[in-house]
Amino acid sequence: MPQGVVATFDPDADRSVRALWSRLDAAGLPPERPFPPHLTFALASDIPAKTRAALAAELRLLAVPDIWLSALSTFSANENALVLAAVTDAELLAVHSALHDVLAGKVRNPSAYYLPGNWMPHCTLLQGVPTPDMTTAFNAVFPTDTIRAKVVKVSILDTNNPGTEDVLFAR
């Protein structure tokens, strides 16, 4: 199953996203949330230990910017999702590109949705709901204020083991 390179947020941003989750719960849309609020930089079926070490080394050299979660949006790739899309400024794109330079050719089955040129940076609020429920979900959290998320960690999260993480970078 997939492993993701993800950024998790400072306590204020984390609380702000969780408050939106609570509004969705109150609207009768309590999805499974095995992971904390986050933004995914990359996803692959396997990110080997040597590649993780290279990612950690690269992250020590990068200035990981704050992430501005500002656009309430939906998309349906494999399943419907309601997300807070991030502003894709030059700094965020540079970090994303640098991480993918490290990952290139070193991971198994990278997800095309997260590759440079395809990536839509976002924090998921809800996923896997039937299309009719998306209107209810959108109305439950609209309008939303912009959330300034300071990245406190970049980790590898494994969808098979939601309680574990391999921290690559922490502030």
C-alpha atoms as a PDB file:
ATOM      1  CA  MET A   1       0.000   0.000   0.000  1.00  0.00           C
ATOM      2  CA  PRO A   2       1.093   3.597  -0.487  1.00  0.00           C
ATOM      3  CA  GLN A   3       3.629   5.515   1.515  1.00  0.00           C
ATOM      4  CA  GLY A   4       3.460   9.288   1.418  1.00  0.00           C
ATOM      5  CA  VAL A   5       5.919  12.116   1.952  1.00  0.00           C
ATOM      6  CA  VAL A   6       3.751  14.493   3.962  1.00  0.00           C
ATOM      7  CA  ALA A   7       4.020  17.825   5.754  1.00  0.00           C
ATOM      8  CA  THR A   8       2.135  18.224   9.031  1.00  0.00           C
ATOM      9  CA  PHE A   9       1.180  21.561  10.504  1.00  0.00           C
ATOM     10  CA  ASP A  10       1.678  23.726  13.573  1.00  0.00           C
ATOM     11  CA  PRO A  11      -0.924  23.418  16.375  1.00  0.00           C
ATOM     12  CA  ASP A  12      -2.986  26.444  15.269  1.00  0.00           C
ATOM     13  CA  ALA A  13      -3.325  25.234  11.678  1.00  0.00           C
ATOM     14  CA  ASP A  14      -3.981  21.681  12.861  1.00  0.00           C
ATOM     15  CA  ARG A  15      -6.811  22.955  15.103  1.00  0.00           C
ATOM     16  CA  SER A  16      -8.263  25.019  12.248  1.00  0.00           C
ATOM     17  CA  VAL A  17      -8.452  21.995   9.940  1.00  0.00           C
ATOM     18  CA  ARG A  18      -9.864  19.828  12.720  1.00  0.00           C
ATOM     19  CA  ALA A  19     -12.545  22.478  13.319  1.00  0.00           C
ATOM     20  CA  LEU A  20     -13.587  22.067   9.675  1.00  0.00           C
ATOM     21  CA  TRP A  21     -13.622  18.296  10.183  1.00  0.00           C
ATOM     22  CA  SER A  22     -15.950  18.857  13.163  1.00  0.00           C
ATOM     23  CA  ARG A  23     -18.307  20.876  10.985  1.00  0.00           C
ATOM     24  CA  LEU A  24     -18.402  17.989   8.523  1.00  0.00           C
ATOM     25  CA  ASP A  25     -19.097  15.576  11.385  1.00  0.00           C
ATOM     26  CA  ALA A  26     -21.959  17.809  12.550  1.00  0.00           C
ATOM     27  CA  ALA A  27     -23.403  17.681   9.019  1.00  0.00           C
ATOM     28  CA  GLY A  28     -23.496  13.884   9.233  1.00  0.00           C
ATOM     29  CA  LEU A  29     -20.365  13.302   7.165  1.00  0.00           C
ATOM     30  CA  PRO A  30     -17.904  11.678   9.579  1.00  0.00           C
ATOM     31  CA  PRO A  31     -15.253  10.133   7.328  1.00  0.00           C
ATOM     32  CA  GLU A  32     -12.407   7.940   8.486  1.00  0.00           C
ATOM     33  CA  ARG A  33      -9.440  10.151   9.411  1.00  0.00           C
ATOM     34  CA  PRO A  34      -6.461   7.944  10.230  1.00  0.00           C
ATOM     35  CA  PHE A  35      -3.896  10.735   9.748  1.00  0.00           C
ATOM     36  CA  PRO A  36      -3.528  14.257  11.114  1.00  0.00           C
ATOM     37  CA  PRO A  37      -4.154  17.229   8.828  1.00  0.00           C
ATOM     38  CA  HIS A  38      -1.384  17.279   6.248  1.00  0.00           C
ATOM     39  CA  LEU A  39      -0.235  18.088   2.727  1.00  0.00           C
ATOM     40  CA  THR A  40       1.188  15.256   0.615  1.00  0.00           C
ATOM     41  CA  PHE A  41       4.271  15.946  -1.514  1.00  0.00           C
ATOM     42  CA  ALA A  42       4.613  12.449  -2.986  1.00  0.00           C
ATOM     43  CA  LEU A  43       3.020   9.013  -2.856  1.00  0.00           C
ATOM     44  CA  ALA A  44       4.476   5.645  -3.884  1.00  0.00           C
ATOM     45  CA  SER A  45       3.972   2.002  -3.028  1.00  0.00           C
ATOM     46  CA  ASP A  46       7.442   1.846  -1.429  1.00  0.00           C
ATOM     47  CA  ILE A  47       9.966   4.485  -0.378  1.00  0.00           C
ATOM     48  CA  PRO A  48      13.138   2.559   0.565  1.00  0.00           C
ATOM     49  CA  ALA A  49      15.304   3.400   3.604  1.00  0.00           C
ATOM     50  CA  LYS A  50      18.187   4.770   1.506  1.00  0.00           C
ATOM     51  CA  THR A  51      15.803   7.095  -0.306  1.00  0.00           C
ATOM     52  CA  ARG A  52      14.341   8.239   3.006  1.00  0.00           C
ATOM     53  CA  ALA A  53      17.833   9.125   4.205  1.00  0.00           C
ATOM     54  CA  ALA A  54      18.434  11.096   1.002  1.00  0.00           C
ATOM     55  CA  LEU A  55      15.115  12.932   1.495  1.00  0.00           C
ATOM     56  CA  ALA A  56      16.083  13.817   5.070  1.00  0.00           C
ATOM     57  CA  ALA A  57      19.437  15.178   3.865  1.00  0.00           C
ATOM     58  CA  GLU A  58      17.711  17.257   1.173  1.00  0.00           C
ATOM     59  CA  LEU A  59      15.176  18.639   3.647  1.00  0.00           C
ATOM     60  CA  ARG A  60      18.026  19.884   5.871  1.00  0.00           C
ATOM     61  CA  LEU A  61      19.118  22.071   2.930  1.00  0.00           C
ATOM     62  CA  LEU A  62      15.694  23.393   1.969  1.00  0.00           C
ATOM     63  CA  ALA A  63      13.685  26.264   3.373  1.00  0.00           C
ATOM     64  CA  VAL A  64      10.281  24.648   3.769  1.00  0.00           C
ATOM     65  CA  PRO A  65       7.767  27.506   3.434  1.00  0.00           C
ATOM     66  CA  ASP A  66       4.513  28.125   5.230  1.00  0.00           C
ATOM     67  CA  ILE A  67       1.554  26.697   3.338  1.00  0.00           C
ATOM     68  CA  TRP A  68      -1.440  28.930   2.704  1.00  0.00           C
ATOM     69  CA  LEU A  69      -4.579  26.786   2.547  1.00  0.00           C
ATOM     70  CA  SER A  70      -7.018  29.139   0.911  1.00  0.00           C
ATOM     71  CA  ALA A  71      -9.287  27.622  -1.711  1.00  0.00           C
ATOM     72  CA  LEU A  72     -12.135  25.305  -0.852  1.00  0.00           C
ATOM     73  CA  SER A  73     -12.241  22.915  -3.767  1.00  0.00           C
ATOM     74  CA  THR A  74     -13.400  19.520  -4.944  1.00  0.00           C
ATOM     75  CA  PHE A  75     -11.949  16.930  -7.242  1.00  0.00           C
ATOM     76  CA  SER A  76     -12.716  13.406  -8.211  1.00  0.00           C
ATOM     77  CA  ALA A  77      -9.780  11.333  -9.298  1.00  0.00           C
ATOM     78  CA  ASN A  78     -10.347   7.883  -7.860  1.00  0.00           C
ATOM     79  CA  GLU A  79     -12.930   9.105  -5.378  1.00  0.00           C
ATOM     80  CA  ASN A  80     -14.647  12.393  -4.624  1.00  0.00           C
ATOM     81  CA  ALA A  81     -12.688  14.706  -2.339  1.00  0.00           C
ATOM     82  CA  LEU A  82     -13.329  18.028  -0.641  1.00  0.00           C
ATOM     83  CA  VAL A  83     -10.042  19.828  -0.044  1.00  0.00           C
ATOM     84  CA  LEU A  84      -8.426  23.052   0.979  1.00  0.00           C
ATOM     85  CA  ALA A  85      -6.123  23.797  -1.930  1.00  0.00           C
ATOM     86  CA  ALA A  86      -2.818  25.472  -1.177  1.00  0.00           C
ATOM     87  CA  VAL A  87      -1.429  28.529  -2.880  1.00  0.00           C
ATOM     88  CA  THR A  88       1.174  27.183  -5.279  1.00  0.00           C
ATOM     89  CA  ASP A  89       3.878  29.788  -4.862  1.00  0.00           C
ATOM     90  CA  ALA A  90       7.439  29.452  -6.134  1.00  0.00           C
ATOM     91  CA  GLU A  91       8.831  28.336  -2.774  1.00  0.00           C
ATOM     92  CA  LEU A  92       6.349  25.494  -2.336  1.00  0.00           C
ATOM     93  CA  LEU A  93       6.884  24.329  -5.907  1.00  0.00           C
ATOM     94  CA  ALA A  94      10.674  24.438  -5.432  1.00  0.00           C
ATOM     95  CA  VAL A  95      10.484  22.190  -2.358  1.00  0.00           C
ATOM     96  CA  HIS A  96       8.140  19.813  -4.174  1.00  0.00           C
ATOM     97  CA  SER A  97      10.458  19.644  -7.184  1.00  0.00           C
ATOM     98  CA  ALA A  98      13.561  19.098  -5.022  1.00  0.00           C
ATOM     99  CA  LEU A  99      11.902  16.219  -3.175  1.00  0.00           C
ATOM    100  CA  HIS A 100      10.875  14.603  -6.445  1.00  0.00           C
ATOM    101  CA  ASP A 101      14.428  14.962  -7.768  1.00  0.00           C
ATOM    102  CA  VAL A 102      15.513  12.774  -4.836  1.00  0.00           C
ATOM    103  CA  LEU A 103      12.674  10.278  -5.389  1.00  0.00           C
ATOM    104  CA  ALA A 104      13.110   9.952  -9.169  1.00  0.00           C
ATOM    105  CA  GLY A 105      13.846   6.348 -10.107  1.00  0.00           C
ATOM    106  CA  LYS A 106      14.212   5.290  -6.470  1.00  0.00           C
ATOM    107  CA  VAL A 107      10.628   4.475  -5.464  1.00  0.00           C
ATOM    108  CA  ARG A 108       8.178   1.870  -6.646  1.00  0.00           C
ATOM    109  CA  ASN A 109       4.932   2.870  -8.310  1.00  0.00           C
ATOM    110  CA  PRO A 110       4.938   6.637  -7.796  1.00  0.00           C
ATOM    111  CA  SER A 111       1.476   8.161  -7.985  1.00  0.00           C
ATOM    112  CA  ALA A 112       1.123  10.344 -11.071  1.00  0.00           C
ATOM    113  CA  TYR A 113      -1.188  12.709  -9.153  1.00  0.00           C
ATOM    114  CA  TYR A 114       1.746  13.932  -7.055  1.00  0.00           C
ATOM    115  CA  LEU A 115       4.395  14.305  -9.760  1.00  0.00           C
ATOM    116  CA  PRO A 116       5.639  17.764 -10.757  1.00  0.00           C
ATOM    117  CA  GLY A 117       3.302  19.219 -13.360  1.00  0.00           C
ATOM    118  CA  ASN A 118       0.339  17.183 -12.070  1.00  0.00           C
ATOM    119  CA  TRP A 119       0.384  18.015  -8.361  1.00  0.00           C
ATOM    120  CA  MET A 120      -2.440  19.999  -6.813  1.00  0.00           C
ATOM    121  CA  PRO A 121      -1.211  20.730  -3.276  1.00  0.00           C
ATOM    122  CA  HIS A 122      -4.033  20.384  -0.787  1.00  0.00           C
ATOM    123  CA  CYS A 123      -5.185  19.304   2.639  1.00  0.00           C
ATOM    124  CA  THR A 124      -8.007  16.790   2.419  1.00  0.00           C
ATOM    125  CA  LEU A 125     -11.124  17.555   4.406  1.00  0.00           C
ATOM    126  CA  LEU A 126     -13.278  14.683   3.159  1.00  0.00           C
ATOM    127  CA  GLN A 127     -12.875  11.904   0.643  1.00  0.00           C
ATOM    128  CA  GLY A 128     -14.764   8.950  -0.692  1.00  0.00           C
ATOM    129  CA  VAL A 129     -18.262  10.363  -0.365  1.00  0.00           C
ATOM    130  CA  PRO A 130     -21.029   9.932  -2.924  1.00  0.00           C
ATOM    131  CA  THR A 131     -21.497  12.848  -5.300  1.00  0.00           C
ATOM    132  CA  PRO A 132     -24.843  13.986  -3.784  1.00  0.00           C
ATOM    133  CA  ASP A 133     -23.148  14.346  -0.363  1.00  0.00           C
ATOM    134  CA  MET A 134     -20.499  16.705  -1.763  1.00  0.00           C
ATOM    135  CA  THR A 135     -23.001  19.589  -1.826  1.00  0.00           C
ATOM    136  CA  THR A 136     -23.806  18.982   1.839  1.00  0.00           C
ATOM    137  CA  ALA A 137     -20.090  18.811   2.651  1.00  0.00           C
ATOM    138  CA  PHE A 138     -19.272  22.005   0.775  1.00  0.00           C
ATOM    139  CA  ASN A 139     -22.119  23.879   2.468  1.00  0.00           C
ATOM    140  CA  ALA A 140     -20.991  22.628   5.900  1.00  0.00           C
ATOM    141  CA  VAL A 141     -17.593  24.327   5.654  1.00  0.00           C
ATOM    142  CA  PHE A 142     -18.260  27.259   3.318  1.00  0.00           C
ATOM    143  CA  PRO A 143     -17.110  29.930   3.715  1.00  0.00           C
ATOM    144  CA  THR A 144     -13.670  29.045   5.027  1.00  0.00           C
ATOM    145  CA  ASP A 145     -10.951  31.389   6.175  1.00  0.00           C
ATOM    146  CA  THR A 146      -7.442  31.052   4.798  1.00  0.00           C
ATOM    147  CA  ILE A 147      -5.267  28.901   7.057  1.00  0.00           C
ATOM    148  CA  ARG A 148      -1.573  29.716   7.349  1.00  0.00           C
ATOM    149  CA  ALA A 149       0.022  26.346   8.051  1.00  0.00           C
ATOM    150  CA  LYS A 150       3.576  26.335   9.311  1.00  0.00           C
ATOM    151  CA  VAL A 151       5.203  23.013   8.521  1.00  0.00           C
ATOM    152  CA  VAL A 152       6.463  21.407  11.718  1.00  0.00           C
ATOM    153  CA  LYS A 153       7.348  17.995  10.285  1.00  0.00           C
ATOM    154  CA  VAL A 154       7.917  16.226   7.014  1.00  0.00           C
ATOM    155  CA  SER A 155       7.471  12.488   7.423  1.00  0.00           C
ATOM    156  CA  ILE A 156       6.796   9.257   5.626  1.00  0.00           C
ATOM    157  CA  LEU A 157       3.325   7.983   6.498  1.00  0.00           C
ATOM    158  CA  ASP A 158       2.279   4.476   5.540  1.00  0.00           C
ATOM    159  CA  THR A 159      -1.399   3.885   4.775  1.00  0.00           C
ATOM    160  CA  ASN A 160      -1.074   0.312   6.080  1.00  0.00           C
ATOM    161  CA  ASN A 161       0.179   1.524   9.461  1.00  0.00           C
ATOM    162  CA  PRO A 162      -1.572   4.830  10.292  1.00  0.00           C
ATOM    163  CA  GLY A 163      -0.049   5.006  13.779  1.00  0.00           C
ATOM    164  CA  THR A 164       3.536   5.017  12.568  1.00  0.00           C
ATOM    165  CA  GLU A 165       5.644   7.658  10.908  1.00  0.00           C
ATOM    166  CA  ASP A 166       9.251   8.073   9.850  1.00  0.00           C
ATOM    167  CA  VAL A 167      10.149  11.709  10.606  1.00  0.00           C
ATOM    168  CA  LEU A 168      12.514  13.132   7.989  1.00  0.00           C
ATOM    169  CA  PHE A 169      12.517  16.757   9.154  1.00  0.00           C
ATOM    170  CA  ALA A 170      11.182  18.570  12.213  1.00  0.00           C
ATOM    171  CA  ARG A 171      11.255  22.155  13.452  1.00  0.00           C
END
